[in-house]
Amino acid sequence: MKTSICAAALALAACSSGQSATENTAEPVALVKLAAASPASVQSSVALYGTAEAGAAGSAILSAPTEAVVAAIVAPTGSAVSRGQLVVRLAPSAAARLDLVKAASDARAAQLAYERAQRLRADGLVSNAEVDTARATAQAATATRASLAARSGALELRAPIAGHVQTVSATLGSLVPAGTSVATIMAGGDLRGRFGVDPALVRQIRPGTGIRVAPSAGGPSFAATVLSVDPTVDAQTRLASLFVRIPAAAAIGAGQPLTGQLALAAGDGAPTVPYAALLDDAGQAYVFIVSGGKAHRRNVTPGPSDGERVVISRGLKSGEQVVVEGGTALDDGMKVRTR
């Protein structure tokens, strides 16, 4: 009788032990929340950095028409000037005066030679071609004298536009060659901002796109619009250029550093997922998709994001179910159940 009881007890213990082992080896099931990948337009903000510069009609350069000496700087750097106001007065250099005297002498000699050729032609001593050559020489010499005289008489450099004197590159008494820049006038109220932009974003930007601009050193921001985009990549910065008009009320000066926030719409039919679905593994972005009751890791290439949804440019199709809650506890191939 005791033998029978012992045998039954052993059998029961063995059965209980087997059931416990089965429970211990059961496959874990994770509780997750899902969302479908779907195409959507995502508004993202791109930070840009640039400077203010003169617009197309916003600056003027005053140059020396002939070699001259700086006689007076009437409006130094920083001076406000009106249109037509005298900025710098020049005086002909010794070489310029000598050139004018020589040009006048050459013009007189050429005119006398032409008159002599006409008399000789009347006597039949020279041909018509020789007279024509003398006439052309006289005309060229006269034109040279007139040009030098005009340039020597235009030595009062006046502002062609109203604004401020940005630079005066010459000093009092210095000799400036012909064509040398002497002063620069910057017009007020005709500025534009030039920003560097990633070449990959150029095709997404259109003239008229709104941008928020602010001085880099601090100050109130203001709304502006994109004037144009130059896709040419700068060899040093590796960036394309974006231009915006700066309103006069912004009180921005040329050369002032600027920051900009550009809003871009992205998507173009690519799937988007909630930002919470995006995970990272040593710089590799990935998501977990659920298929057949199991979670599968999928490496993806994320695009622009508005903080709530992110564009997936590669690695995911619209309609696939992605894990948005509970993903950090998952392993590839783990069974899941949804909330």
Protein backbone atom coordinates (compact mmCIF):
# COMPACT_ATOMS: atom_id res chain seq x y z
CA MET A 1 0.00 0.00 0.00
CA LYS A 2 2.81 2.41 0.93
CA THR A 3 4.54 1.47 -2.30
CA SER A 4 1.48 2.50 -4.35
CA ILE A 5 1.20 5.86 -2.57
CA CYS A 6 4.85 6.66 -3.19
CA ALA A 7 4.59 5.76 -6.85
CA ALA A 8 1.54 8.02 -7.28
CA ALA A 9 3.34 10.89 -5.55
CA LEU A 10 6.36 10.52 -7.76
CA ALA A 11 4.21 10.49 -10.88
CA LEU A 12 2.38 13.64 -9.77
CA ALA A 13 5.65 15.43 -9.04
CA ALA A 14 7.03 14.47 -12.42
CA CYS A 15 3.89 15.79 -14.15
CA SER A 16 4.05 19.09 -12.23
CA SER A 17 7.73 19.53 -13.06
CA GLY A 18 7.10 19.05 -16.79
CA GLN A 19 4.27 21.63 -16.78
CA SER A 20 6.51 24.17 -15.02
CA ALA A 21 9.30 23.69 -17.56
CA THR A 22 6.83 24.26 -20.40
CA GLU A 23 5.66 27.52 -18.82
CA ASN A 24 9.26 28.72 -18.34
CA THR A 25 10.12 28.20 -22.04
CA ALA A 26 7.00 29.93 -23.42
CA GLU A 27 7.83 32.59 -26.11
CA PRO A 28 7.42 36.16 -24.78
CA VAL A 29 4.74 38.40 -26.28
CA ALA A 30 5.16 42.21 -26.23
CA LEU A 31 2.33 44.69 -25.90
CA VAL A 32 2.64 47.43 -28.54
CA LYS A 33 0.70 50.18 -30.24
CA LEU A 34 0.65 50.42 -34.04
CA ALA A 35 0.14 53.11 -36.67
CA ALA A 36 0.03 52.85 -40.45
CA ALA A 37 2.68 54.51 -42.62
CA SER A 38 0.87 56.94 -44.90
CA PRO A 39 1.79 59.74 -47.33
CA ALA A 40 1.37 63.26 -45.93
CA SER A 41 2.76 66.75 -46.37
CA VAL A 42 5.26 67.56 -43.62
CA GLN A 43 6.13 71.16 -42.83
CA SER A 44 9.74 71.37 -41.72
CA SER A 45 11.80 74.41 -40.71
CA VAL A 46 15.34 74.86 -42.04
CA ALA A 47 17.83 77.17 -40.31
CA LEU A 48 19.84 79.37 -42.70
CA TYR A 49 22.75 81.74 -42.14
CA GLY A 50 23.76 84.70 -44.27
CA THR A 51 24.49 88.43 -44.51
CA ALA A 52 22.78 91.58 -45.72
CA GLU A 53 24.11 93.10 -48.93
CA ALA A 54 23.17 95.86 -51.36
CA GLY A 55 20.45 95.13 -53.88
CA ALA A 56 20.78 95.51 -57.64
CA ALA A 57 20.38 99.32 -57.46
CA GLY A 58 21.55 99.67 -53.90
CA SER A 59 25.14 100.78 -54.39
CA ALA A 60 27.25 103.01 -56.60
CA ILE A 61 31.00 103.24 -57.10
CA LEU A 62 32.71 106.58 -57.71
CA SER A 63 35.84 106.12 -59.82
CA ALA A 64 38.60 108.45 -60.98
CA PRO A 65 37.93 109.32 -64.66
CA THR A 66 41.61 110.04 -65.22
CA GLU A 67 44.80 109.86 -63.23
CA ALA A 68 44.33 112.39 -60.46
CA VAL A 69 45.25 113.52 -56.99
CA VAL A 70 42.72 113.55 -54.15
CA ALA A 71 42.26 117.25 -53.43
CA ALA A 72 39.43 117.05 -50.86
CA ILE A 73 37.25 114.43 -49.18
CA VAL A 74 34.01 116.34 -48.69
CA ALA A 75 31.89 113.43 -47.40
CA PRO A 76 33.95 110.91 -45.40
CA THR A 77 32.91 107.34 -44.61
CA GLY A 78 29.56 107.15 -42.84
CA SER A 79 28.27 110.48 -44.16
CA ALA A 80 24.67 110.72 -45.31
CA VAL A 81 24.52 112.12 -48.85
CA SER A 82 21.77 113.20 -51.19
CA ARG A 83 21.74 112.60 -54.90
CA GLY A 84 24.18 114.93 -56.66
CA GLN A 85 26.06 115.84 -53.48
CA LEU A 86 29.83 116.26 -53.78
CA VAL A 87 31.74 113.41 -52.12
CA VAL A 88 35.38 113.72 -53.29
CA ARG A 89 37.14 116.43 -55.28
CA LEU A 90 40.08 115.43 -57.47
CA ALA A 91 42.73 117.46 -59.27
CA PRO A 92 44.53 116.42 -62.46
CA SER A 93 47.91 114.84 -61.86
CA ALA A 94 51.02 116.18 -63.57
CA ALA A 95 50.90 113.29 -66.02
CA ALA A 96 47.23 113.93 -66.78
CA ARG A 97 47.89 117.62 -67.44
CA LEU A 98 50.79 116.69 -69.72
CA ASP A 99 48.59 114.21 -71.62
CA LEU A 100 45.97 116.90 -72.18
CA VAL A 101 48.55 119.38 -73.46
CA LYS A 102 50.00 116.74 -75.79
CA ALA A 103 46.54 115.74 -77.04
CA ALA A 104 45.72 119.37 -77.81
CA SER A 105 49.00 119.77 -79.67
CA ASP A 106 48.47 116.56 -81.64
CA ALA A 107 44.94 117.60 -82.56
CA ARG A 108 46.14 120.98 -83.82
CA ALA A 109 48.95 119.39 -85.85
CA ALA A 110 46.60 116.83 -87.36
CA GLN A 111 44.12 119.54 -88.33
CA LEU A 112 46.87 121.56 -90.04
CA ALA A 113 48.04 118.44 -91.90
CA TYR A 114 44.50 117.80 -93.10
CA GLU A 115 44.14 121.38 -94.34
CA ARG A 116 47.46 121.10 -96.18
CA ALA A 117 46.37 117.82 -97.80
CA GLN A 118 43.23 119.54 -99.06
CA ARG A 119 45.28 122.30 -100.71
CA LEU A 120 47.66 119.80 -102.31
CA ARG A 121 44.69 117.82 -103.62
CA ALA A 122 43.32 120.94 -105.24
CA ASP A 123 46.65 121.31 -107.07
CA GLY A 124 46.57 117.63 -108.03
CA LEU A 125 49.63 116.77 -105.99
CA VAL A 126 48.07 114.15 -103.69
CA SER A 127 45.37 111.53 -104.13
CA ASN A 128 41.90 111.41 -102.59
CA ALA A 129 43.05 108.50 -100.42
CA GLU A 130 45.77 110.63 -98.85
CA VAL A 131 43.25 113.35 -98.06
CA ASP A 132 40.93 110.80 -96.49
CA THR A 133 43.76 109.48 -94.33
CA ALA A 134 44.64 112.99 -93.13
CA ARG A 135 41.00 113.71 -92.34
CA ALA A 136 40.64 110.51 -90.29
CA THR A 137 43.83 111.30 -88.37
CA ALA A 138 42.59 114.78 -87.56
CA GLN A 139 39.22 113.48 -86.40
CA ALA A 140 40.83 110.86 -84.14
CA ALA A 141 43.20 113.43 -82.60
CA THR A 142 40.32 115.83 -81.98
CA ALA A 143 38.27 113.07 -80.32
CA THR A 144 41.20 112.13 -78.05
CA ARG A 145 41.64 115.77 -76.99
CA ALA A 146 37.90 116.11 -76.27
CA SER A 147 37.86 112.87 -74.23
CA LEU A 148 40.82 113.92 -72.08
CA ALA A 149 39.36 117.38 -71.59
CA ALA A 150 36.01 115.92 -70.52
CA ARG A 151 37.64 113.56 -68.04
CA SER A 152 39.83 116.29 -66.61
CA GLY A 153 36.73 118.41 -66.16
CA ALA A 154 34.80 115.66 -64.34
CA LEU A 155 36.95 115.50 -61.24
CA GLU A 156 34.17 116.40 -58.81
CA LEU A 157 32.84 112.98 -57.80
CA ARG A 158 29.17 113.31 -56.82
CA ALA A 159 26.75 110.77 -55.37
CA PRO A 160 24.47 109.39 -58.11
CA ILE A 161 22.04 108.07 -55.47
CA ALA A 162 20.96 109.12 -52.00
CA GLY A 163 22.35 107.05 -49.15
CA HIS A 164 25.48 106.76 -47.05
CA VAL A 165 29.16 106.78 -47.93
CA GLN A 166 30.16 103.20 -47.22
CA THR A 167 33.86 103.48 -48.06
CA VAL A 168 36.43 106.07 -49.16
CA SER A 169 39.40 104.05 -50.34
CA ALA A 170 41.72 106.97 -51.12
CA THR A 171 43.42 109.41 -48.74
CA LEU A 172 43.90 113.12 -49.09
CA GLY A 173 46.76 113.89 -51.46
CA SER A 174 47.08 110.34 -52.78
CA LEU A 175 47.53 109.62 -56.48
CA VAL A 176 44.75 107.47 -57.97
CA PRO A 177 45.08 105.86 -61.43
CA ALA A 178 42.31 106.24 -63.98
CA GLY A 179 39.40 103.88 -63.32
CA THR A 180 40.31 103.32 -59.65
CA SER A 181 37.44 103.16 -57.17
CA VAL A 182 37.59 106.16 -54.85
CA ALA A 183 34.33 105.87 -52.87
CA THR A 184 31.26 103.64 -52.56
CA ILE A 185 27.74 104.90 -51.89
CA MET A 186 25.21 102.54 -50.29
CA ALA A 187 21.57 103.40 -50.84
CA GLY A 188 19.22 103.05 -47.90
CA GLY A 189 16.21 100.76 -48.17
CA ASP A 190 17.49 98.59 -51.03
CA LEU A 191 19.06 95.62 -49.28
CA ARG A 192 18.78 91.91 -49.78
CA GLY A 193 19.80 88.98 -47.64
CA ARG A 194 22.08 86.31 -49.08
CA PHE A 195 21.83 82.92 -47.34
CA GLY A 196 23.69 79.67 -47.89
CA VAL A 197 21.39 76.71 -48.52
CA ASP A 198 21.92 72.97 -48.94
CA PRO A 199 21.95 72.22 -52.71
CA ALA A 200 19.61 69.27 -52.05
CA LEU A 201 16.92 71.71 -50.93
CA VAL A 202 17.15 74.09 -53.90
CA ARG A 203 14.45 72.35 -55.94
CA GLN A 204 12.00 72.69 -53.05
CA ILE A 205 12.36 76.47 -52.81
CA ARG A 206 10.37 78.81 -55.03
CA PRO A 207 10.41 82.62 -55.35
CA GLY A 208 7.78 84.02 -53.03
CA THR A 209 8.35 81.42 -50.33
CA GLY A 210 8.12 83.01 -46.89
CA ILE A 211 11.12 83.15 -44.57
CA ARG A 212 11.59 84.56 -41.08
CA VAL A 213 14.76 86.65 -40.77
CA ALA A 214 16.49 88.07 -37.71
CA PRO A 215 19.85 89.75 -36.97
CA SER A 216 22.35 87.18 -35.72
CA ALA A 217 23.43 89.49 -32.91
CA GLY A 218 19.89 89.69 -31.61
CA GLY A 219 16.89 91.85 -32.33
CA PRO A 220 13.32 91.48 -33.58
CA SER A 221 12.69 89.10 -36.46
CA PHE A 222 10.73 90.10 -39.55
CA ALA A 223 8.94 88.38 -42.41
CA ALA A 224 10.57 88.34 -45.83
CA THR A 225 10.07 86.53 -49.13
CA VAL A 226 12.47 84.62 -51.33
CA LEU A 227 13.52 86.65 -54.38
CA SER A 228 15.55 84.00 -56.16
CA VAL A 229 17.71 80.93 -55.70
CA ASP A 230 21.12 80.47 -57.30
CA PRO A 231 21.89 76.73 -57.56
CA THR A 232 25.59 77.38 -58.18
CA VAL A 233 27.56 75.75 -55.36
CA ASP A 234 30.22 77.87 -53.68
CA ALA A 235 33.59 76.11 -53.83
CA GLN A 236 34.40 76.92 -50.19
CA THR A 237 31.07 76.60 -48.37
CA ARG A 238 29.64 73.88 -50.65
CA LEU A 239 26.30 75.70 -50.44
CA ALA A 240 23.96 77.25 -52.99
CA SER A 241 22.62 80.80 -52.48
CA LEU A 242 19.17 82.06 -51.57
CA PHE A 243 18.24 85.75 -51.81
CA VAL A 244 15.50 87.57 -49.91
CA ARG A 245 14.37 91.19 -49.93
CA ILE A 246 14.91 93.06 -46.67
CA PRO A 247 12.29 95.73 -45.93
CA ALA A 248 13.58 99.19 -45.10
CA ALA A 249 11.66 99.11 -41.81
CA ALA A 250 13.90 96.27 -40.59
CA ALA A 251 16.73 98.79 -40.01
CA ILE A 252 19.36 96.31 -41.21
CA GLY A 253 22.75 97.51 -42.43
CA ALA A 254 24.79 96.10 -45.28
CA GLY A 255 27.21 93.42 -44.11
CA GLN A 256 25.17 92.57 -41.02
CA PRO A 257 25.01 88.80 -40.22
CA LEU A 258 21.54 87.29 -40.44
CA THR A 259 19.75 84.07 -39.52
CA GLY A 260 16.67 82.72 -41.24
CA GLN A 261 14.00 80.10 -40.64
CA LEU A 262 12.62 78.70 -43.88
CA ALA A 263 9.45 76.59 -43.82
CA LEU A 264 9.43 73.79 -46.40
CA ALA A 265 6.73 71.30 -47.29
CA ALA A 266 8.10 67.79 -47.86
CA GLY A 267 6.58 64.47 -48.73
CA ASP A 268 6.02 64.12 -52.48
CA GLY A 269 4.07 60.88 -51.92
CA ALA A 270 6.70 59.30 -49.67
CA PRO A 271 5.36 57.51 -46.58
CA THR A 272 5.40 59.28 -43.24
CA VAL A 273 5.20 57.79 -39.76
CA PRO A 274 4.75 59.27 -36.28
CA TYR A 275 8.08 60.52 -34.98
CA ALA A 276 7.74 58.13 -32.01
CA ALA A 277 8.13 55.18 -34.39
CA LEU A 278 11.67 56.18 -35.35
CA LEU A 279 14.44 54.45 -33.38
CA ASP A 280 18.22 54.73 -33.60
CA ASP A 281 21.00 52.18 -33.40
CA ALA A 282 24.46 53.80 -33.45
CA GLY A 283 23.35 56.30 -36.07
CA GLN A 284 21.24 53.89 -38.10
CA ALA A 285 17.57 54.85 -38.08
CA TYR A 286 15.08 52.00 -37.99
CA VAL A 287 11.48 51.09 -37.22
CA PHE A 288 9.66 47.92 -36.24
CA ILE A 289 6.94 46.81 -38.60
CA VAL A 290 4.41 44.21 -37.56
CA SER A 291 3.42 41.38 -39.90
CA GLY A 292 1.88 38.02 -39.02
CA GLY A 293 1.80 38.88 -35.32
CA LYS A 294 5.57 39.45 -35.16
CA ALA A 295 7.76 42.57 -35.06
CA HIS A 296 10.46 42.90 -37.72
CA ARG A 297 13.23 45.47 -37.65
CA ARG A 298 13.48 47.61 -40.80
CA ASN A 299 16.34 50.03 -41.43
CA VAL A 300 15.06 53.28 -42.96
CA THR A 301 16.30 56.61 -44.27
CA PRO A 302 14.39 59.46 -42.61
CA GLY A 303 13.69 62.77 -44.32
CA PRO A 304 12.25 66.08 -43.08
CA SER A 305 10.21 66.16 -39.92
CA ASP A 306 7.84 68.64 -38.30
CA GLY A 307 8.33 67.13 -34.87
CA GLU A 308 5.17 65.00 -35.06
CA ARG A 309 5.63 63.05 -38.28
CA VAL A 310 8.76 62.21 -40.23
CA VAL A 311 9.12 61.43 -43.93
CA ILE A 312 10.66 58.03 -44.69
CA SER A 313 12.45 58.42 -47.99
CA ARG A 314 13.70 54.83 -48.14
CA GLY A 315 12.94 51.50 -46.47
CA LEU A 316 9.17 51.67 -45.91
CA LYS A 317 5.97 51.45 -47.93
CA SER A 318 2.69 53.20 -47.31
CA GLY A 319 0.22 50.98 -45.50
CA GLU A 320 2.77 49.03 -43.47
CA GLN A 321 2.07 48.90 -39.75
CA VAL A 322 4.80 50.38 -37.56
CA VAL A 323 5.23 50.22 -33.79
CA VAL A 324 4.79 53.63 -32.14
CA GLU A 325 4.74 52.49 -28.50
CA GLY A 326 6.74 49.64 -26.95
CA GLY A 327 9.38 49.51 -29.69
CA THR A 328 12.36 49.96 -27.36
CA ALA A 329 11.65 46.59 -25.71
CA LEU A 330 11.38 44.63 -28.95
CA ASP A 331 13.76 42.24 -30.64
CA ASP A 332 13.61 41.31 -34.29
CA GLY A 333 11.05 38.53 -34.76
CA MET A 334 9.39 38.92 -31.34
CA LYS A 335 5.69 38.13 -31.05
CA VAL A 336 3.47 41.11 -30.29
CA ARG A 337 -0.10 41.90 -29.39
CA THR A 338 -1.69 45.28 -29.84
CA ARG A 339 -3.30 47.52 -27.28
